[in-house]
Amino acid sequence: MNNLDHLKSIYKPYRYTIRGKCMVMESTSGNFVVKERPKNKDIPSIFNYLKSRNFNYFPEIYIDSRSDNYIYEYIEDKEKINPQKSEDLISLVGLLHSKTSYNKEVEEETYKEIYENILSNILYLKDYYQKQYEMFLIPIYMSPSEYEFVRNYSKIKAALDFSNSNLDDWYSKVKNKRRERLSLIHNNLSMDHYLKNDKDYLISWDNAKFDTPVLDLFKFYERSAIDLEFSSLYERYKSINPLNKEEEELFFILISLVPKIEFSGSEFEKCKNMRKALDYVYKTESFLKPYYTTDSEE
């Protein structure tokens, strides 16, 4: 942290506690969170914009031009044990996207660039997993992690084929569009960044930007899908901020990208990485099935 001497002269702190990338400062003036100012990110301007859109679910920020830090009010989470916490969070995210949503004219290359970036990722993962599969077939006796991978390779391949096929379908629908819906996205969603006190709060806005709301959903799903029942969360989100068909399809494509499994470290670590990735694949297949079963029946 920079310029703490200056803060000491103002707040008269008597205790500091490091928590991740920030510091809780207990002082005679109250408790505060101290964070270094992020580069190329004007958090006060973001908060002012949110206030103008009637979205006030973030901590107060205190500015001092002589300091390289931002000072935030400290929010005590009064509902750390809350079975509905994930539902409250996704409702708040839906409100954020709804309040800040607008349509923007885009260039012809915009959707093409998205398509090519995702396709490049898919092709890389396909090649990576195929080479791993062929290599693991060579030994007479496989290790537990190798056996688990080979046994489930067809599922991994099917997930990537699904992404590839639906990506082509998505691009055929959007390539001639010249408008895109954007929202202010938090871009760092996790259960740890949602607090409940006198009201709901989203914290840690350092990555916030204007982009498709699909990115917030995708990153939250990627982090939390294994631990949460996401079907009900997704339907709750859509009840607040409905996605159009192309946005929903893009979300489904992104979550079907199998996380890259690292085949390094101890056998225990490799088995743990394998199990986590396979849980994600099976959970995603289960999540997507009702949407595509309905389409096929129709």
C-alpha atoms as a PDB file:
ATOM      1  CA  MET A   1       0.000   0.000   0.000  1.00  0.00           C
ATOM      2  CA  ASN A   2       1.252   3.469  -0.859  1.00  0.00           C
ATOM      3  CA  ASN A   3       1.152   6.677   1.162  1.00  0.00           C
ATOM      4  CA  LEU A   4       0.007   5.052   4.392  1.00  0.00           C
ATOM      5  CA  ASP A   5       1.667   7.789   6.411  1.00  0.00           C
ATOM      6  CA  HIS A   6      -0.732  10.276   4.872  1.00  0.00           C
ATOM      7  CA  LEU A   7      -3.717   8.057   5.751  1.00  0.00           C
ATOM      8  CA  LYS A   8      -2.477   7.657   9.310  1.00  0.00           C
ATOM      9  CA  SER A   9      -2.526  11.401   9.806  1.00  0.00           C
ATOM     10  CA  ILE A  10      -6.200  11.567   8.727  1.00  0.00           C
ATOM     11  CA  TYR A  11      -7.838   8.414  10.119  1.00  0.00           C
ATOM     12  CA  LYS A  12      -5.703   7.657  13.210  1.00  0.00           C
ATOM     13  CA  PRO A  13      -5.717   3.870  12.636  1.00  0.00           C
ATOM     14  CA  TYR A  14      -4.887   1.461  15.440  1.00  0.00           C
ATOM     15  CA  ARG A  15      -5.014  -1.863  13.557  1.00  0.00           C
ATOM     16  CA  TYR A  16      -4.431  -3.129  10.002  1.00  0.00           C
ATOM     17  CA  THR A  17      -5.555  -6.514   8.656  1.00  0.00           C
ATOM     18  CA  ILE A  18      -4.479  -7.740   5.211  1.00  0.00           C
ATOM     19  CA  ARG A  19      -7.278  -9.461   3.289  1.00  0.00           C
ATOM     20  CA  GLY A  20      -6.246 -10.564  -0.177  1.00  0.00           C
ATOM     21  CA  LYS A  21      -5.363  -7.532  -2.268  1.00  0.00           C
ATOM     22  CA  CYS A  22      -6.805  -5.032   0.182  1.00  0.00           C
ATOM     23  CA  MET A  23      -6.334  -3.983   3.784  1.00  0.00           C
ATOM     24  CA  VAL A  24      -8.910  -3.377   6.484  1.00  0.00           C
ATOM     25  CA  MET A  25      -8.021  -0.321   8.514  1.00  0.00           C
ATOM     26  CA  GLU A  26      -9.595   0.019  11.966  1.00  0.00           C
ATOM     27  CA  SER A  27      -9.413   3.588  13.193  1.00  0.00           C
ATOM     28  CA  THR A  28     -10.857   6.060  15.635  1.00  0.00           C
ATOM     29  CA  SER A  29     -12.991   7.318  12.724  1.00  0.00           C
ATOM     30  CA  GLY A  30     -14.424   3.883  11.916  1.00  0.00           C
ATOM     31  CA  ASN A  31     -13.410   0.915   9.789  1.00  0.00           C
ATOM     32  CA  PHE A  32     -12.310   1.286   6.170  1.00  0.00           C
ATOM     33  CA  VAL A  33     -10.959  -0.800   3.303  1.00  0.00           C
ATOM     34  CA  VAL A  34      -7.771   0.436   1.670  1.00  0.00           C
ATOM     35  CA  LYS A  35      -6.971  -0.615  -1.917  1.00  0.00           C
ATOM     36  CA  GLU A  36      -4.402   0.649  -4.388  1.00  0.00           C
ATOM     37  CA  ARG A  37      -5.903   2.598  -7.255  1.00  0.00           C
ATOM     38  CA  PRO A  38      -6.161   0.296 -10.285  1.00  0.00           C
ATOM     39  CA  LYS A  39      -4.332   1.442 -13.400  1.00  0.00           C
ATOM     40  CA  ASN A  40      -6.510   2.893 -16.153  1.00  0.00           C
ATOM     41  CA  LYS A  41      -9.697   2.464 -14.109  1.00  0.00           C
ATOM     42  CA  ASP A  42     -11.617   5.422 -12.654  1.00  0.00           C
ATOM     43  CA  ILE A  43     -13.723   3.748  -9.964  1.00  0.00           C
ATOM     44  CA  PRO A  44     -15.377   6.997  -8.732  1.00  0.00           C
ATOM     45  CA  SER A  45     -16.623   7.692 -12.271  1.00  0.00           C
ATOM     46  CA  ILE A  46     -18.035   4.154 -12.482  1.00  0.00           C
ATOM     47  CA  PHE A  47     -19.852   4.630  -9.176  1.00  0.00           C
ATOM     48  CA  ASN A  48     -21.207   8.010 -10.279  1.00  0.00           C
ATOM     49  CA  TYR A  49     -22.520   6.420 -13.449  1.00  0.00           C
ATOM     50  CA  LEU A  50     -24.196   3.649 -11.446  1.00  0.00           C
ATOM     51  CA  LYS A  51     -25.828   6.236  -9.198  1.00  0.00           C
ATOM     52  CA  SER A  52     -27.141   8.031 -12.292  1.00  0.00           C
ATOM     53  CA  ARG A  53     -28.730   4.733 -13.359  1.00  0.00           C
ATOM     54  CA  ASN A  54     -30.307   4.308  -9.905  1.00  0.00           C
ATOM     55  CA  PHE A  55     -28.040   1.393  -8.969  1.00  0.00           C
ATOM     56  CA  ASN A  56     -26.605   2.084  -5.511  1.00  0.00           C
ATOM     57  CA  TYR A  57     -25.419  -1.334  -4.387  1.00  0.00           C
ATOM     58  CA  PHE A  58     -21.739  -0.650  -3.783  1.00  0.00           C
ATOM     59  CA  PRO A  59     -19.683   0.732  -0.882  1.00  0.00           C
ATOM     60  CA  GLU A  60     -19.033   4.448  -0.508  1.00  0.00           C
ATOM     61  CA  ILE A  61     -15.643   5.557  -1.741  1.00  0.00           C
ATOM     62  CA  TYR A  62     -13.521   8.356  -0.269  1.00  0.00           C
ATOM     63  CA  ILE A  63     -11.114  10.201  -2.555  1.00  0.00           C
ATOM     64  CA  ASP A  64      -7.912  11.915  -1.540  1.00  0.00           C
ATOM     65  CA  SER A  65      -5.842  13.325  -4.396  1.00  0.00           C
ATOM     66  CA  ARG A  66      -2.668  13.053  -2.282  1.00  0.00           C
ATOM     67  CA  SER A  67      -3.015   9.283  -1.889  1.00  0.00           C
ATOM     68  CA  ASP A  68      -2.356   6.434  -4.329  1.00  0.00           C
ATOM     69  CA  ASN A  69      -5.095   4.419  -2.628  1.00  0.00           C
ATOM     70  CA  TYR A  70      -8.867   4.355  -2.659  1.00  0.00           C
ATOM     71  CA  ILE A  71     -10.589   4.276   0.727  1.00  0.00           C
ATOM     72  CA  TYR A  72     -13.909   2.401   0.869  1.00  0.00           C
ATOM     73  CA  GLU A  73     -16.404   2.098   3.673  1.00  0.00           C
ATOM     74  CA  TYR A  74     -16.074  -1.263   5.395  1.00  0.00           C
ATOM     75  CA  ILE A  75     -19.135  -3.490   4.936  1.00  0.00           C
ATOM     76  CA  GLU A  76     -19.703  -6.258   7.462  1.00  0.00           C
ATOM     77  CA  ASP A  77     -21.396  -9.252   5.880  1.00  0.00           C
ATOM     78  CA  LYS A  78     -24.298 -10.002   8.230  1.00  0.00           C
ATOM     79  CA  GLU A  79     -25.507 -13.052   6.312  1.00  0.00           C
ATOM     80  CA  LYS A  80     -22.408 -15.151   5.731  1.00  0.00           C
ATOM     81  CA  ILE A  81     -24.528 -18.263   6.217  1.00  0.00           C
ATOM     82  CA  ASN A  82     -27.415 -17.709   3.835  1.00  0.00           C
ATOM     83  CA  PRO A  83     -28.794 -20.551   1.655  1.00  0.00           C
ATOM     84  CA  GLN A  84     -30.282 -17.955  -0.699  1.00  0.00           C
ATOM     85  CA  LYS A  85     -27.092 -15.944  -1.080  1.00  0.00           C
ATOM     86  CA  SER A  86     -26.443 -17.105  -4.660  1.00  0.00           C
ATOM     87  CA  GLU A  87     -30.020 -16.196  -5.647  1.00  0.00           C
ATOM     88  CA  ASP A  88     -29.630 -12.743  -4.089  1.00  0.00           C
ATOM     89  CA  LEU A  89     -26.359 -12.239  -5.954  1.00  0.00           C
ATOM     90  CA  ILE A  90     -27.711 -13.260  -9.359  1.00  0.00           C
ATOM     91  CA  SER A  91     -30.747 -11.012  -8.822  1.00  0.00           C
ATOM     92  CA  LEU A  92     -28.438  -8.084  -8.129  1.00  0.00           C
ATOM     93  CA  VAL A  93     -26.382  -8.859 -11.239  1.00  0.00           C
ATOM     94  CA  GLY A  94     -29.545  -8.976 -13.335  1.00  0.00           C
ATOM     95  CA  LEU A  95     -30.524  -5.580 -11.944  1.00  0.00           C
ATOM     96  CA  LEU A  96     -27.057  -4.176 -12.709  1.00  0.00           C
ATOM     97  CA  HIS A  97     -27.242  -5.308 -16.322  1.00  0.00           C
ATOM     98  CA  SER A  98     -30.829  -4.145 -16.743  1.00  0.00           C
ATOM     99  CA  LYS A  99     -30.163  -0.687 -15.293  1.00  0.00           C
ATOM    100  CA  THR A 100     -27.085  -0.056 -17.457  1.00  0.00           C
ATOM    101  CA  SER A 101     -28.150  -1.741 -20.700  1.00  0.00           C
ATOM    102  CA  TYR A 102     -27.984   0.087 -24.034  1.00  0.00           C
ATOM    103  CA  ASN A 103     -27.603  -0.725 -27.731  1.00  0.00           C
ATOM    104  CA  LYS A 104     -24.476   0.255 -29.614  1.00  0.00           C
ATOM    105  CA  GLU A 105     -23.713   0.435 -33.329  1.00  0.00           C
ATOM    106  CA  VAL A 106     -20.898  -1.992 -34.162  1.00  0.00           C
ATOM    107  CA  GLU A 107     -18.580  -2.507 -37.094  1.00  0.00           C
ATOM    108  CA  GLU A 108     -18.796  -5.472 -39.442  1.00  0.00           C
ATOM    109  CA  GLU A 109     -15.684  -6.979 -37.853  1.00  0.00           C
ATOM    110  CA  THR A 110     -17.059  -6.970 -34.292  1.00  0.00           C
ATOM    111  CA  TYR A 111     -18.912 -10.282 -34.392  1.00  0.00           C
ATOM    112  CA  LYS A 112     -16.310 -11.806 -36.702  1.00  0.00           C
ATOM    113  CA  GLU A 113     -13.607 -11.103 -34.143  1.00  0.00           C
ATOM    114  CA  ILE A 114     -15.665 -12.724 -31.367  1.00  0.00           C
ATOM    115  CA  TYR A 115     -16.259 -15.739 -33.598  1.00  0.00           C
ATOM    116  CA  GLU A 116     -12.598 -16.132 -34.515  1.00  0.00           C
ATOM    117  CA  ASN A 117     -11.402 -15.783 -30.912  1.00  0.00           C
ATOM    118  CA  ILE A 118     -13.778 -18.474 -29.645  1.00  0.00           C
ATOM    119  CA  LEU A 119     -13.070 -20.744 -32.621  1.00  0.00           C
ATOM    120  CA  SER A 120      -9.329 -20.428 -32.016  1.00  0.00           C
ATOM    121  CA  ASN A 121      -9.856 -21.476 -28.401  1.00  0.00           C
ATOM    122  CA  ILE A 122     -12.009 -24.453 -29.416  1.00  0.00           C
ATOM    123  CA  LEU A 123      -9.480 -25.684 -31.992  1.00  0.00           C
ATOM    124  CA  TYR A 124      -6.644 -25.325 -29.501  1.00  0.00           C
ATOM    125  CA  LEU A 125      -8.497 -27.368 -26.869  1.00  0.00           C
ATOM    126  CA  LYS A 126      -9.488 -30.025 -29.403  1.00  0.00           C
ATOM    127  CA  ASP A 127      -5.886 -30.442 -30.505  1.00  0.00           C
ATOM    128  CA  TYR A 128      -4.597 -30.383 -26.923  1.00  0.00           C
ATOM    129  CA  TYR A 129      -6.971 -33.083 -25.698  1.00  0.00           C
ATOM    130  CA  GLN A 130      -6.559 -35.286 -28.783  1.00  0.00           C
ATOM    131  CA  LYS A 131      -2.779 -35.308 -28.324  1.00  0.00           C
ATOM    132  CA  GLN A 132      -3.195 -36.148 -24.633  1.00  0.00           C
ATOM    133  CA  TYR A 133      -5.567 -38.981 -25.524  1.00  0.00           C
ATOM    134  CA  GLU A 134      -3.191 -40.478 -28.091  1.00  0.00           C
ATOM    135  CA  MET A 135      -0.235 -40.180 -25.720  1.00  0.00           C
ATOM    136  CA  PHE A 136      -2.072 -41.861 -22.830  1.00  0.00           C
ATOM    137  CA  LEU A 137      -2.935 -44.876 -25.024  1.00  0.00           C
ATOM    138  CA  ILE A 138       0.742 -45.721 -25.540  1.00  0.00           C
ATOM    139  CA  PRO A 139       1.694 -47.130 -22.091  1.00  0.00           C
ATOM    140  CA  ILE A 140       0.660 -50.685 -21.221  1.00  0.00           C
ATOM    141  CA  TYR A 141      -0.490 -49.522 -17.792  1.00  0.00           C
ATOM    142  CA  MET A 142      -2.149 -46.139 -17.349  1.00  0.00           C
ATOM    143  CA  SER A 143      -1.962 -44.024 -14.224  1.00  0.00           C
ATOM    144  CA  PRO A 144      -5.289 -43.322 -12.464  1.00  0.00           C
ATOM    145  CA  SER A 145      -5.486 -39.809 -13.960  1.00  0.00           C
ATOM    146  CA  GLU A 146      -4.656 -41.095 -17.468  1.00  0.00           C
ATOM    147  CA  TYR A 147      -7.263 -43.844 -17.214  1.00  0.00           C
ATOM    148  CA  GLU A 148      -9.906 -41.397 -15.993  1.00  0.00           C
ATOM    149  CA  PHE A 149      -9.149 -39.061 -18.886  1.00  0.00           C
ATOM    150  CA  VAL A 150      -9.230 -41.780 -21.569  1.00  0.00           C
ATOM    151  CA  ARG A 151     -12.471 -43.165 -20.145  1.00  0.00           C
ATOM    152  CA  ASN A 152     -14.133 -39.742 -20.369  1.00  0.00           C
ATOM    153  CA  TYR A 153     -12.454 -38.406 -23.509  1.00  0.00           C
ATOM    154  CA  SER A 154     -15.622 -38.888 -25.588  1.00  0.00           C
ATOM    155  CA  LYS A 155     -17.503 -36.534 -23.215  1.00  0.00           C
ATOM    156  CA  ILE A 156     -14.801 -33.866 -23.501  1.00  0.00           C
ATOM    157  CA  LYS A 157     -14.751 -34.177 -27.286  1.00  0.00           C
ATOM    158  CA  ALA A 158     -18.562 -34.020 -27.471  1.00  0.00           C
ATOM    159  CA  ALA A 159     -18.621 -30.808 -25.407  1.00  0.00           C
ATOM    160  CA  LEU A 160     -16.101 -29.139 -27.722  1.00  0.00           C
ATOM    161  CA  ASP A 161     -17.949 -30.389 -30.822  1.00  0.00           C
ATOM    162  CA  PHE A 162     -21.124 -28.890 -29.366  1.00  0.00           C
ATOM    163  CA  SER A 163     -19.401 -25.523 -28.921  1.00  0.00           C
ATOM    164  CA  ASN A 164     -17.956 -25.668 -32.429  1.00  0.00           C
ATOM    165  CA  SER A 165     -21.262 -26.527 -34.116  1.00  0.00           C
ATOM    166  CA  ASN A 166     -23.269 -23.962 -32.185  1.00  0.00           C
ATOM    167  CA  LEU A 167     -20.629 -21.298 -32.730  1.00  0.00           C
ATOM    168  CA  ASP A 168     -21.073 -21.624 -36.489  1.00  0.00           C
ATOM    169  CA  ASP A 169     -24.846 -21.424 -36.068  1.00  0.00           C
ATOM    170  CA  TRP A 170     -24.536 -18.361 -33.799  1.00  0.00           C
ATOM    171  CA  TYR A 171     -22.236 -16.558 -36.237  1.00  0.00           C
ATOM    172  CA  SER A 172     -24.576 -17.183 -39.174  1.00  0.00           C
ATOM    173  CA  LYS A 173     -27.270 -15.307 -37.217  1.00  0.00           C
ATOM    174  CA  VAL A 174     -25.202 -12.333 -36.020  1.00  0.00           C
ATOM    175  CA  LYS A 175     -22.635 -11.700 -38.764  1.00  0.00           C
ATOM    176  CA  ASN A 176     -24.856  -9.175 -40.531  1.00  0.00           C
ATOM    177  CA  LYS A 177     -26.078  -7.437 -37.365  1.00  0.00           C
ATOM    178  CA  ARG A 178     -24.847  -3.921 -36.738  1.00  0.00           C
ATOM    179  CA  ARG A 179     -26.096  -3.456 -33.184  1.00  0.00           C
ATOM    180  CA  GLU A 180     -24.981  -5.027 -29.938  1.00  0.00           C
ATOM    181  CA  ARG A 181     -26.441  -4.795 -26.446  1.00  0.00           C
ATOM    182  CA  LEU A 182     -23.927  -3.712 -23.839  1.00  0.00           C
ATOM    183  CA  SER A 183     -24.127  -3.283 -20.081  1.00  0.00           C
ATOM    184  CA  LEU A 184     -21.755  -2.250 -17.363  1.00  0.00           C
ATOM    185  CA  ILE A 185     -20.496  -5.640 -16.226  1.00  0.00           C
ATOM    186  CA  HIS A 186     -18.798  -6.304 -12.894  1.00  0.00           C
ATOM    187  CA  ASN A 187     -16.341  -8.672 -14.607  1.00  0.00           C
ATOM    188  CA  ASN A 188     -15.168 -10.294 -11.365  1.00  0.00           C
ATOM    189  CA  LEU A 189     -18.240 -12.014  -9.965  1.00  0.00           C
ATOM    190  CA  SER A 190     -17.891 -14.488  -7.128  1.00  0.00           C
ATOM    191  CA  MET A 191     -19.754 -15.299  -3.954  1.00  0.00           C
ATOM    192  CA  ASP A 192     -16.990 -13.502  -2.035  1.00  0.00           C
ATOM    193  CA  HIS A 193     -17.805 -10.237  -3.798  1.00  0.00           C
ATOM    194  CA  TYR A 194     -21.404 -10.119  -2.601  1.00  0.00           C
ATOM    195  CA  LEU A 195     -22.179  -8.803   0.880  1.00  0.00           C
ATOM    196  CA  LYS A 196     -25.443  -8.196   2.694  1.00  0.00           C
ATOM    197  CA  ASN A 197     -25.829  -5.615   5.436  1.00  0.00           C
ATOM    198  CA  ASP A 198     -28.495  -2.914   5.506  1.00  0.00           C
ATOM    199  CA  LYS A 199     -28.778  -3.601   1.761  1.00  0.00           C
ATOM    200  CA  ASP A 200     -27.070  -5.726  -0.902  1.00  0.00           C
ATOM    201  CA  TYR A 201     -23.520  -4.815  -1.952  1.00  0.00           C
ATOM    202  CA  LEU A 202     -21.230  -5.760  -4.821  1.00  0.00           C
ATOM    203  CA  ILE A 203     -17.580  -5.110  -4.036  1.00  0.00           C
ATOM    204  CA  SER A 204     -14.308  -5.320  -5.999  1.00  0.00           C
ATOM    205  CA  TRP A 205     -15.123  -3.270  -9.099  1.00  0.00           C
ATOM    206  CA  ASP A 206     -11.563  -2.982 -10.420  1.00  0.00           C
ATOM    207  CA  ASN A 207     -12.337  -5.011 -13.573  1.00  0.00           C
ATOM    208  CA  ALA A 208     -15.671  -3.362 -14.420  1.00  0.00           C
ATOM    209  CA  LYS A 209     -16.252  -2.392 -18.051  1.00  0.00           C
ATOM    210  CA  PHE A 210     -18.930  -2.043 -20.705  1.00  0.00           C
ATOM    211  CA  ASP A 211     -19.421  -5.323 -22.557  1.00  0.00           C
ATOM    212  CA  THR A 212     -22.014  -7.991 -23.230  1.00  0.00           C
ATOM    213  CA  PRO A 213     -23.772  -9.155 -20.031  1.00  0.00           C
ATOM    214  CA  VAL A 214     -23.059 -12.705 -21.200  1.00  0.00           C
ATOM    215  CA  LEU A 215     -19.473 -12.334 -19.942  1.00  0.00           C
ATOM    216  CA  ASP A 216     -20.565 -11.815 -16.332  1.00  0.00           C
ATOM    217  CA  LEU A 217     -22.805 -14.883 -16.506  1.00  0.00           C
ATOM    218  CA  PHE A 218     -20.106 -16.993 -18.127  1.00  0.00           C
ATOM    219  CA  LYS A 219     -17.377 -16.091 -15.623  1.00  0.00           C
ATOM    220  CA  PHE A 220     -19.697 -16.604 -12.667  1.00  0.00           C
ATOM    221  CA  TYR A 221     -20.788 -19.972 -14.085  1.00  0.00           C
ATOM    222  CA  GLU A 222     -17.176 -20.991 -14.697  1.00  0.00           C
ATOM    223  CA  ARG A 223     -16.301 -20.242 -11.069  1.00  0.00           C
ATOM    224  CA  SER A 224     -19.425 -21.532  -9.366  1.00  0.00           C
ATOM    225  CA  ALA A 225     -21.266 -24.087 -11.498  1.00  0.00           C
ATOM    226  CA  ILE A 226     -19.861 -27.126  -9.696  1.00  0.00           C
ATOM    227  CA  ASP A 227     -20.968 -25.841  -6.284  1.00  0.00           C
ATOM    228  CA  LEU A 228     -24.321 -24.265  -7.205  1.00  0.00           C
ATOM    229  CA  GLU A 229     -27.580 -25.380  -8.775  1.00  0.00           C
ATOM    230  CA  PHE A 230     -27.311 -23.007 -11.725  1.00  0.00           C
ATOM    231  CA  SER A 231     -30.553 -23.748 -13.584  1.00  0.00           C
ATOM    232  CA  SER A 232     -32.720 -21.871 -11.092  1.00  0.00           C
ATOM    233  CA  LEU A 233     -30.142 -19.047 -10.872  1.00  0.00           C
ATOM    234  CA  TYR A 234     -30.161 -18.642 -14.640  1.00  0.00           C
ATOM    235  CA  GLU A 235     -33.944 -18.523 -14.832  1.00  0.00           C
ATOM    236  CA  ARG A 236     -34.025 -15.975 -11.997  1.00  0.00           C
ATOM    237  CA  TYR A 237     -31.491 -13.821 -13.846  1.00  0.00           C
ATOM    238  CA  LYS A 238     -33.545 -13.938 -17.064  1.00  0.00           C
ATOM    239  CA  SER A 239     -36.693 -12.922 -15.171  1.00  0.00           C
ATOM    240  CA  ILE A 240     -34.904  -9.636 -14.346  1.00  0.00           C
ATOM    241  CA  ASN A 241     -32.789  -9.141 -17.469  1.00  0.00           C
ATOM    242  CA  PRO A 242     -34.005 -11.361 -20.332  1.00  0.00           C
ATOM    243  CA  LEU A 243     -31.399 -12.469 -22.880  1.00  0.00           C
ATOM    244  CA  ASN A 244     -32.193 -12.510 -26.570  1.00  0.00           C
ATOM    245  CA  LYS A 245     -31.716 -15.756 -28.505  1.00  0.00           C
ATOM    246  CA  GLU A 246     -28.235 -14.886 -29.765  1.00  0.00           C
ATOM    247  CA  GLU A 247     -27.017 -13.841 -26.299  1.00  0.00           C
ATOM    248  CA  GLU A 248     -28.301 -17.068 -24.773  1.00  0.00           C
ATOM    249  CA  GLU A 249     -26.678 -19.143 -27.489  1.00  0.00           C
ATOM    250  CA  LEU A 250     -23.356 -17.368 -26.942  1.00  0.00           C
ATOM    251  CA  PHE A 251     -23.594 -18.104 -23.212  1.00  0.00           C
ATOM    252  CA  PHE A 252     -24.199 -21.798 -23.902  1.00  0.00           C
ATOM    253  CA  ILE A 253     -21.245 -21.907 -26.312  1.00  0.00           C
ATOM    254  CA  LEU A 254     -18.877 -20.334 -23.791  1.00  0.00           C
ATOM    255  CA  ILE A 255     -19.807 -22.562 -20.860  1.00  0.00           C
ATOM    256  CA  SER A 256     -19.333 -25.650 -23.058  1.00  0.00           C
ATOM    257  CA  LEU A 257     -15.639 -24.874 -23.480  1.00  0.00           C
ATOM    258  CA  VAL A 258     -13.947 -27.528 -21.364  1.00  0.00           C
ATOM    259  CA  PRO A 259     -11.469 -25.997 -18.896  1.00  0.00           C
ATOM    260  CA  LYS A 260      -7.887 -26.866 -19.772  1.00  0.00           C
ATOM    261  CA  ILE A 261      -6.721 -29.740 -17.568  1.00  0.00           C
ATOM    262  CA  GLU A 262      -3.120 -29.445 -16.418  1.00  0.00           C
ATOM    263  CA  PHE A 263      -1.391 -32.840 -16.490  1.00  0.00           C
ATOM    264  CA  SER A 264       1.459 -31.834 -14.203  1.00  0.00           C
ATOM    265  CA  GLY A 265       2.403 -32.158 -10.564  1.00  0.00           C
ATOM    266  CA  SER A 266       1.808 -35.173  -8.346  1.00  0.00           C
ATOM    267  CA  GLU A 267      -0.602 -37.911  -9.322  1.00  0.00           C
ATOM    268  CA  PHE A 268      -2.915 -36.678  -6.585  1.00  0.00           C
ATOM    269  CA  GLU A 269      -2.928 -33.175  -8.097  1.00  0.00           C
ATOM    270  CA  LYS A 270      -3.544 -34.546 -11.583  1.00  0.00           C
ATOM    271  CA  CYS A 271      -6.471 -36.637 -10.353  1.00  0.00           C
ATOM    272  CA  LYS A 272      -7.914 -33.654  -8.519  1.00  0.00           C
ATOM    273  CA  ASN A 273      -7.634 -31.428 -11.624  1.00  0.00           C
ATOM    274  CA  MET A 274      -9.174 -34.176 -13.733  1.00  0.00           C
ATOM    275  CA  ARG A 275     -12.114 -34.682 -11.396  1.00  0.00           C
ATOM    276  CA  LYS A 276     -12.831 -30.954 -11.216  1.00  0.00           C
ATOM    277  CA  ALA A 277     -12.832 -30.572 -15.011  1.00  0.00           C
ATOM    278  CA  LEU A 278     -15.001 -33.662 -15.524  1.00  0.00           C
ATOM    279  CA  ASP A 279     -17.470 -32.497 -12.890  1.00  0.00           C
ATOM    280  CA  TYR A 280     -17.721 -29.250 -14.844  1.00  0.00           C
ATOM    281  CA  VAL A 281     -18.346 -31.122 -18.123  1.00  0.00           C
ATOM    282  CA  TYR A 282     -21.073 -33.337 -16.659  1.00  0.00           C
ATOM    283  CA  LYS A 283     -22.688 -30.471 -14.763  1.00  0.00           C
ATOM    284  CA  THR A 284     -22.785 -28.356 -17.929  1.00  0.00           C
ATOM    285  CA  GLU A 285     -24.261 -31.183 -19.973  1.00  0.00           C
ATOM    286  CA  SER A 286     -27.008 -31.554 -17.374  1.00  0.00           C
ATOM    287  CA  PHE A 287     -27.622 -27.803 -17.287  1.00  0.00           C
ATOM    288  CA  LEU A 288     -27.944 -27.496 -21.088  1.00  0.00           C
ATOM    289  CA  LYS A 289     -30.020 -30.588 -21.743  1.00  0.00           C
ATOM    290  CA  PRO A 290     -33.496 -29.102 -21.005  1.00  0.00           C
ATOM    291  CA  TYR A 291     -32.940 -26.167 -23.364  1.00  0.00           C
ATOM    292  CA  TYR A 292     -31.894 -28.313 -26.310  1.00  0.00           C
ATOM    293  CA  THR A 293     -34.356 -31.130 -25.614  1.00  0.00           C
ATOM    294  CA  THR A 294     -37.186 -28.588 -25.797  1.00  0.00           C
ATOM    295  CA  ASP A 295     -35.843 -27.214 -29.076  1.00  0.00           C
ATOM    296  CA  SER A 296     -35.560 -30.664 -30.650  1.00  0.00           C
ATOM    297  CA  GLU A 297     -39.065 -31.672 -29.582  1.00  0.00           C
ATOM    298  CA  GLU A 298     -40.496 -28.520 -31.097  1.00  0.00           C
END
